[in-house]
Amino acid sequence: MALRRWTLQLGTATKGFREAGQGIRFSSAVSSSTPSAEDTTENEIVAPEFTNRNPRNLEQLALARKERGWKTTWPKQEYWHRLRLEQTQNHVKAYVEHCSGHIVVSASTREWAIKKYLHRTTGVTACVNVGRVLAQRCLEAGINFVDFQAVTPWEKNSDSIQGFQNAMTEGGIVLKELRRIYQ
């Protein structure tokens, strides 16, 4: 009923256009005219000077300087991104630290998004799941190479550390940084 009233009102409105010699014109999204030839050579010009605004570009090209520190310090300070895994009695936390000391990416079993899928927040399965999540976050941040040598020798063979390392490598992260290129 309402549709019939609407069409009647539309019909009475169009009568005024027909009497004045005007009609209703419908247009389509596709134009029927031929495309005009425009000059695009201006877009192909390359700037003679280029300024790189990415501060991590030299690190990704393996040209940036690595701070070595003293030979007697442990763990070594020669890295751009270092992967750390901390296990406490209640939680597992992993993070990627930049050589400037800032934490770039982190994942922990304290986060509800990770915690709700775990039976316990410690153990091998927690380390594996934190490794999977951290690997995905590293790839999203553009970090493909990290240094993971800061594990004490007696912890290196534990199941949780091995599971964490396997999850990171299966996620696409290389656990050894590129060697610096000296020019």
Protein backbone atom coordinates (compact mmCIF):
# COMPACT_ATOMS: atom_id res chain seq x y z
CA MET A 1 0.00 0.00 0.00
CA ALA A 2 2.78 2.40 0.88
CA LEU A 3 4.59 1.50 -2.36
CA ARG A 4 1.49 2.34 -4.39
CA ARG A 5 1.24 5.77 -2.68
CA TRP A 6 4.92 6.46 -3.38
CA THR A 7 4.63 5.62 -7.08
CA LEU A 8 1.54 7.81 -7.37
CA GLN A 9 3.38 10.72 -5.78
CA LEU A 10 6.34 10.12 -8.12
CA GLY A 11 4.00 10.03 -11.12
CA THR A 12 2.40 13.35 -10.20
CA ALA A 13 5.83 14.92 -9.68
CA THR A 14 7.03 13.85 -13.14
CA LYS A 15 3.97 15.35 -14.85
CA GLY A 16 5.34 18.81 -14.11
CA PHE A 17 8.60 17.93 -15.87
CA ARG A 18 6.87 16.51 -18.94
CA GLU A 19 4.71 19.57 -19.38
CA ALA A 20 7.69 21.93 -19.24
CA GLY A 21 9.53 19.92 -21.89
CA GLN A 22 11.99 18.46 -19.39
CA GLY A 23 12.38 14.78 -18.81
CA ILE A 24 14.03 12.49 -16.30
CA ARG A 25 17.53 11.56 -17.31
CA PHE A 26 19.29 8.52 -15.86
CA SER A 27 23.05 8.26 -16.09
CA SER A 28 25.32 5.26 -15.79
CA ALA A 29 28.70 5.00 -14.11
CA VAL A 30 30.39 4.01 -17.36
CA SER A 31 31.16 6.93 -19.62
CA SER A 32 30.48 6.47 -23.29
CA SER A 33 33.09 8.99 -24.41
CA THR A 34 36.56 7.93 -25.52
CA PRO A 35 39.40 8.42 -23.03
CA SER A 36 41.53 11.49 -23.62
CA ALA A 37 45.27 11.13 -24.11
CA GLU A 38 47.07 12.75 -21.17
CA ASP A 39 50.77 13.39 -20.84
CA THR A 40 52.15 11.00 -18.16
CA THR A 41 55.87 11.62 -18.70
CA GLU A 42 55.93 13.95 -15.69
CA ASN A 43 55.14 10.99 -13.40
CA GLU A 44 58.12 9.02 -14.70
CA ILE A 45 60.75 11.56 -13.65
CA VAL A 46 63.00 10.32 -10.82
CA ALA A 47 64.19 12.76 -8.18
CA PRO A 48 67.95 13.34 -8.42
CA GLU A 49 68.30 13.38 -4.59
CA PHE A 50 66.81 10.72 -2.35
CA THR A 51 66.42 11.06 1.40
CA ASN A 52 65.90 7.82 3.29
CA ARG A 53 63.47 8.33 6.14
CA ASN A 54 63.53 4.76 7.48
CA PRO A 55 65.78 4.61 10.56
CA ARG A 56 66.02 0.79 10.37
CA ASN A 57 67.09 0.67 6.73
CA LEU A 58 70.80 0.30 7.49
CA GLU A 59 70.04 -2.50 9.95
CA GLN A 60 67.99 -4.36 7.34
CA LEU A 61 70.81 -3.96 4.80
CA ALA A 62 73.34 -5.17 7.43
CA LEU A 63 75.32 -1.93 7.12
CA ALA A 64 74.53 -0.39 10.51
CA ARG A 65 77.12 -0.40 13.23
CA LYS A 66 76.79 -2.96 16.04
CA GLU A 67 77.94 -1.90 19.47
CA ARG A 68 80.34 -4.57 20.64
CA GLY A 69 80.84 -3.57 24.25
CA TRP A 70 83.60 -5.14 26.30
CA LYS A 71 84.78 -8.67 25.61
CA THR A 72 84.26 -9.69 29.20
CA THR A 73 80.57 -8.72 29.36
CA TRP A 74 77.93 -11.42 29.25
CA PRO A 75 75.60 -11.60 27.39
CA LYS A 76 77.29 -10.03 24.39
CA GLN A 77 76.08 -6.65 23.26
CA GLU A 78 76.71 -7.17 19.53
CA TYR A 79 73.18 -7.27 18.11
CA TRP A 80 70.51 -5.12 16.48
CA HIS A 81 67.55 -7.10 17.82
CA ARG A 82 67.89 -9.55 20.69
CA LEU A 83 65.25 -12.13 21.58
CA ARG A 84 64.75 -12.73 25.29
CA LEU A 85 62.66 -15.38 27.03
CA GLU A 86 61.86 -14.98 30.72
CA GLN A 87 60.19 -17.75 32.68
CA THR A 88 58.87 -17.16 36.17
CA GLN A 89 56.87 -19.43 38.45
CA ASN A 90 53.57 -18.10 37.12
CA HIS A 91 54.15 -16.74 33.61
CA VAL A 92 56.25 -16.84 30.45
CA LYS A 93 57.32 -13.61 28.77
CA ALA A 94 59.24 -13.15 25.53
CA TYR A 95 60.29 -9.92 23.91
CA VAL A 96 62.52 -8.49 21.20
CA GLU A 97 64.86 -5.78 22.42
CA HIS A 98 66.52 -3.21 20.15
CA CYS A 99 70.19 -2.36 20.68
CA SER A 100 69.10 1.02 22.06
CA GLY A 101 67.38 -0.78 24.95
CA HIS A 102 63.76 -0.30 23.84
CA ILE A 103 61.40 -3.27 23.67
CA VAL A 104 60.09 -3.49 20.10
CA VAL A 105 57.72 -6.50 20.28
CA SER A 106 56.57 -8.60 23.20
CA ALA A 107 54.25 -11.49 24.06
CA SER A 108 53.36 -12.90 27.45
CA THR A 109 51.01 -15.36 29.07
CA ARG A 110 49.70 -12.44 31.14
CA GLU A 111 47.82 -11.25 28.03
CA TRP A 112 44.26 -12.45 28.04
CA ALA A 113 44.34 -13.24 24.30
CA ILE A 114 47.06 -15.85 24.92
CA LYS A 115 46.03 -16.91 28.42
CA LYS A 116 42.48 -17.96 27.51
CA TYR A 117 43.75 -20.72 25.19
CA LEU A 118 46.19 -22.24 27.70
CA HIS A 119 45.57 -24.78 30.44
CA ARG A 120 48.54 -23.46 32.41
CA THR A 121 50.55 -20.25 31.98
CA THR A 122 53.89 -22.03 32.45
CA GLY A 123 55.47 -25.05 30.85
CA VAL A 124 56.32 -26.25 27.39
CA THR A 125 52.96 -25.51 25.74
CA ALA A 126 52.97 -21.96 27.09
CA CYS A 127 56.46 -21.37 25.67
CA VAL A 128 55.46 -22.80 22.29
CA ASN A 129 52.34 -20.64 22.07
CA VAL A 130 54.20 -17.50 23.15
CA GLY A 131 56.78 -18.30 20.47
CA ARG A 132 54.09 -18.59 17.79
CA VAL A 133 52.47 -15.30 18.76
CA LEU A 134 55.81 -13.49 19.01
CA ALA A 135 56.90 -14.80 15.61
CA GLN A 136 53.72 -13.47 14.03
CA ARG A 137 54.14 -10.08 15.72
CA CYS A 138 57.80 -9.89 14.64
CA LEU A 139 56.86 -10.50 11.03
CA GLU A 140 54.15 -7.85 11.24
CA ALA A 141 56.72 -5.40 12.62
CA GLY A 142 59.20 -6.23 9.84
CA ILE A 143 61.73 -8.06 12.00
CA ASN A 144 63.03 -11.22 10.32
CA PHE A 145 66.41 -11.72 12.02
CA VAL A 146 66.98 -11.75 15.79
CA ASP A 147 69.86 -12.78 18.03
CA PHE A 148 68.96 -15.59 20.46
CA GLN A 149 72.24 -16.52 22.13
CA ALA A 150 71.62 -15.02 25.54
CA VAL A 151 70.40 -18.30 27.05
CA THR A 152 72.50 -19.76 29.82
CA PRO A 153 74.19 -23.01 28.74
CA TRP A 154 72.35 -25.21 31.27
CA GLU A 155 68.94 -23.98 30.07
CA LYS A 156 69.66 -24.44 26.36
CA ASN A 157 68.67 -28.12 26.25
CA SER A 158 65.38 -27.80 28.16
CA ASP A 159 62.14 -28.78 26.42
CA SER A 160 60.53 -25.38 26.86
CA ILE A 161 63.47 -23.51 25.28
CA GLN A 162 63.62 -26.00 22.41
CA GLY A 163 59.87 -25.68 21.84
CA PHE A 164 60.13 -21.89 21.88
CA GLN A 165 62.99 -21.94 19.35
CA ASN A 166 61.10 -24.35 17.07
CA ALA A 167 57.95 -22.21 17.21
CA MET A 168 59.93 -19.10 16.28
CA THR A 169 61.69 -20.77 13.34
CA GLU A 170 58.44 -22.34 12.10
CA GLY A 171 56.90 -18.87 12.29
CA GLY A 172 59.51 -17.55 9.85
CA ILE A 173 62.02 -15.89 12.17
CA VAL A 174 65.74 -16.57 11.75
CA LEU A 175 67.38 -16.85 15.16
CA LYS A 176 70.73 -15.54 13.99
CA GLU A 177 71.35 -12.02 12.77
CA LEU A 178 73.10 -11.18 9.56
CA ARG A 179 76.79 -10.51 9.71
CA ARG A 180 77.64 -6.85 9.40
CA ILE A 181 78.94 -5.76 6.00
CA TYR A 182 82.01 -3.56 6.28
CA GLN A 183 82.61 -1.14 3.43
